[in-house]
Protein backbone atom coordinates (compact mmCIF):
# COMPACT_ATOMS: atom_id res chain seq x y z
CA UNK A 1 0.01 0.10 -0.09
CA UNK A 2 2.94 2.66 0.98
CA UNK A 3 4.38 1.57 -2.55
CA UNK A 4 1.36 2.48 -4.14
CA UNK A 5 0.66 5.79 -2.22
CA UNK A 6 4.39 6.57 -2.69
CA UNK A 7 4.89 5.97 -6.12
CA UNK A 8 1.60 5.52 -7.66
CA UNK A 9 0.58 2.62 -9.65
CA UNK A 10 3.49 2.68 -12.75
CA UNK A 11 6.03 3.64 -10.20
CA UNK A 12 5.18 0.25 -8.20
CA UNK A 13 6.75 -2.93 -9.02
CA UNK A 14 6.37 -6.45 -7.50
CA UNK A 15 9.90 -6.26 -6.93
CA UNK A 16 10.39 -3.03 -5.14
CA UNK A 17 7.06 -4.31 -3.05
CA UNK A 18 8.85 -7.79 -2.23
CA UNK A 19 11.81 -5.57 -1.34
CA UNK A 20 10.20 -3.59 1.23
CA UNK A 21 8.00 -6.19 2.72
CA UNK A 22 11.23 -8.45 3.40
CA UNK A 23 10.10 -11.10 1.53
CA UNK A 24 11.41 -13.11 -1.74
CA UNK A 25 10.11 -12.00 -4.96
CA UNK A 26 9.23 -15.92 -5.32
CA UNK A 27 7.28 -15.85 -2.48
CA UNK A 28 5.34 -12.98 -3.08
CA UNK A 29 4.61 -14.09 -7.09
CA UNK A 30 3.35 -17.41 -5.42
CA UNK A 31 0.34 -15.86 -3.39
CA UNK A 32 0.22 -13.07 -5.99
CA UNK A 33 0.99 -13.55 -9.65
CA UNK A 34 0.75 -10.35 -10.91
CA UNK A 35 1.01 -6.68 -9.92
CA UNK A 36 -2.67 -6.23 -10.15
CA UNK A 37 -3.53 -9.08 -8.03
CA UNK A 38 -1.16 -8.25 -5.26
CA UNK A 39 -2.24 -4.26 -4.93
CA UNK A 40 -5.87 -5.40 -5.16
CA UNK A 41 -4.89 -8.06 -2.39
CA UNK A 42 -3.87 -5.29 -0.54
CA UNK A 43 -6.61 -2.93 -0.99
CA UNK A 44 -9.25 -5.55 0.04
CA UNK A 45 -7.42 -6.26 3.21
CA UNK A 46 -6.92 -2.92 4.40
CA UNK A 47 -10.66 -1.98 3.20
CA UNK A 48 -11.55 -4.76 5.02
CA UNK A 49 -9.69 -3.53 8.70
CA UNK A 50 -11.23 0.08 7.86
CA UNK A 51 -14.70 -1.32 7.57
CA UNK A 52 -14.39 -3.35 10.70
CA UNK A 53 -13.34 -0.15 12.27
CA UNK A 54 -16.21 1.71 11.17
CA UNK A 55 -18.80 -0.85 11.83
CA UNK A 56 -17.40 -0.85 15.45
CA UNK A 57 -17.74 3.48 15.33
CA UNK A 58 -21.33 2.90 13.81
CA UNK A 59 -22.33 0.75 16.77
CA UNK A 60 -21.54 3.19 19.55
CA UNK A 61 -22.72 6.56 17.60
CA UNK A 62 -24.13 8.76 20.26
CA UNK A 63 -27.82 9.79 19.00
CA UNK A 64 -26.94 13.53 20.00
CA UNK A 65 -24.39 14.82 17.24
CA UNK A 66 -24.54 11.95 15.14
CA UNK A 67 -24.60 13.14 11.54
CA UNK A 68 -21.99 15.43 12.26
CA UNK A 69 -19.78 12.44 14.05
CA UNK A 70 -20.55 10.01 10.86
CA UNK A 71 -19.19 12.15 8.32
CA UNK A 72 -16.28 13.24 10.48
CA UNK A 73 -15.70 8.81 10.36
CA UNK A 74 -16.55 9.06 6.70
CA UNK A 75 -14.00 11.84 5.77
CA UNK A 76 -11.06 9.91 8.03
CA UNK A 77 -12.17 6.94 6.20
CA UNK A 78 -12.14 8.52 2.58
CA UNK A 79 -8.63 10.71 3.11
CA UNK A 80 -6.78 7.73 4.32
CA UNK A 81 -4.19 5.42 2.58
CA UNK A 82 -6.66 2.89 1.58
CA UNK A 83 -8.62 6.08 -0.67
CA UNK A 84 -5.32 7.24 -1.85
CA UNK A 85 -4.51 3.80 -3.26
CA UNK A 86 -7.90 3.00 -4.85
CA UNK A 87 -7.61 6.35 -6.41
CA UNK A 88 -4.18 5.31 -8.26
CA UNK A 89 -5.91 1.81 -9.19
CA UNK A 90 -8.91 4.13 -10.48
CA UNK A 91 -7.18 6.06 -12.65
CA UNK A 92 -4.53 3.19 -13.96
CA UNK A 93 -7.80 1.21 -14.55
CA UNK A 94 -9.26 4.17 -16.70
CA UNK A 95 -6.97 3.14 -19.78
CA UNK A 96 -6.02 -0.45 -18.67
CA UNK A 97 -8.80 -2.62 -19.56
CA UNK A 98 -7.75 -6.14 -17.99
CA UNK A 99 -7.01 -4.07 -14.73
CA UNK A 100 -10.61 -2.34 -14.90
CA UNK A 101 -12.26 -5.45 -15.12
CA UNK A 102 -10.67 -6.56 -11.65
CA UNK A 103 -11.42 -3.22 -9.99
CA UNK A 104 -14.78 -2.22 -11.15
CA UNK A 105 -16.23 -5.18 -9.44
CA UNK A 106 -14.41 -4.39 -6.31
CA UNK A 107 -15.04 -1.16 -6.32
CA UNK A 108 -18.88 -1.94 -6.78
CA UNK A 109 -19.02 -4.14 -4.07
CA UNK A 110 -16.76 -1.75 -1.77
CA UNK A 111 -19.20 1.13 -2.54
CA UNK A 112 -22.00 -0.95 -1.48
CA UNK A 113 -20.58 -2.03 1.81
CA UNK A 114 -19.67 1.76 2.28
CA UNK A 115 -23.38 2.97 1.91
CA UNK A 116 -24.81 0.14 3.89
CA UNK A 117 -22.03 1.35 6.78
CA UNK A 118 -23.15 5.10 6.20
CA UNK A 119 -27.09 3.86 6.80
CA UNK A 120 -26.09 2.40 10.07
CA UNK A 121 -23.51 5.19 11.19
CA UNK A 122 -26.47 7.67 10.33
CA UNK A 123 -29.25 5.68 12.01
CA UNK A 124 -31.43 6.38 9.07
CA UNK A 125 -33.94 4.03 7.68
CA UNK A 126 -33.83 3.84 3.98
CA UNK A 127 -37.50 2.83 3.49
CA UNK A 128 -38.21 6.35 4.27
CA UNK A 129 -38.61 8.51 1.10
CA UNK A 130 -35.64 10.49 0.02
CA UNK A 131 -33.09 9.04 2.41
CA UNK A 132 -31.52 6.46 0.08
CA UNK A 133 -30.62 9.34 -2.06
CA UNK A 134 -29.40 11.72 0.79
CA UNK A 135 -27.04 8.75 2.36
CA UNK A 136 -25.87 8.46 -1.34
CA UNK A 137 -25.05 12.39 -2.11
CA UNK A 138 -23.70 12.25 1.29
CA UNK A 139 -20.86 9.47 -0.20
CA UNK A 140 -20.29 11.24 -3.19
CA UNK A 141 -20.16 14.53 -1.21
CA UNK A 142 -17.38 13.32 1.29
CA UNK A 143 -15.61 11.50 -1.78
CA UNK A 144 -15.21 14.31 -3.50
CA UNK A 145 -13.81 16.62 -0.62
CA UNK A 146 -11.44 13.78 -0.22
CA UNK A 147 -10.41 13.94 -4.12
CA UNK A 148 -9.70 17.46 -3.42
CA UNK A 149 -7.72 16.92 -0.41
CA UNK A 150 -5.04 14.97 -2.46
CA UNK A 151 -3.39 17.81 -4.08
CA UNK A 152 -3.57 20.43 -1.13
CA UNK A 153 -4.48 20.59 2.59
CA UNK A 154 -7.88 20.92 2.32
CA UNK A 155 -8.86 20.30 5.95
CA UNK A 156 -10.30 23.59 7.03
CA UNK A 157 -12.48 23.95 3.97
CA UNK A 158 -13.91 20.42 4.56
CA UNK A 159 -14.62 20.94 8.15
CA UNK A 160 -16.80 23.97 7.37
CA UNK A 161 -18.34 22.25 4.51
CA UNK A 162 -19.16 19.01 6.76
CA UNK A 163 -20.37 21.11 9.43
CA UNK A 164 -22.90 22.31 6.64
CA UNK A 165 -23.94 19.14 5.57
CA UNK A 166 -24.86 17.69 9.01
CA UNK A 167 -26.96 20.76 9.82
CA UNK A 168 -28.88 20.18 6.33
CA UNK A 169 -28.67 16.38 7.07
CA UNK A 170 -30.28 16.52 10.47
CA UNK A 171 -33.13 19.25 9.03
CA UNK A 172 -34.05 16.84 6.32
CA UNK A 173 -34.11 13.91 8.57
CA UNK A 174 -35.79 15.72 11.15
CA UNK A 175 -33.49 15.67 13.94
CA UNK A 176 -32.13 17.94 16.20
CA UNK A 177 -27.98 18.31 15.76
């Protein structure tokens, strides 16, 4: 993951990863025959760990300030290394059909899981009119803010936007902040 985040897709090689992980290249290639297999395996593993962290956080979400807390957790999730690594894969997959064939189903699965987690974190019922769209709009907003933070430290602006969005969510969901 560190190689992918630091060097990008084209700058990462299996030899570099094996050296950094202090394993033989043969051992690594036995488990991960291609660079795509290796990187996707790492992204899946870290996404699974992060999902478990978010699930634990969702279980202990307070009633008061729930929307803002959920937004903070999602923003942290999407500005971390897993998002940065996934972004590298998305960009590479845009022009590499073989990689895209592997990355697209992974991203669809992770997207569905993140949506379900967000529903739990916000403590909402998707059967209520408009709630599903609100959750998806929230995820799209947070992903966009995370993308903006890849080039500059956009934390202050992001926090102001998330504060405003939490208030808007609370109004739409009919609950007090």
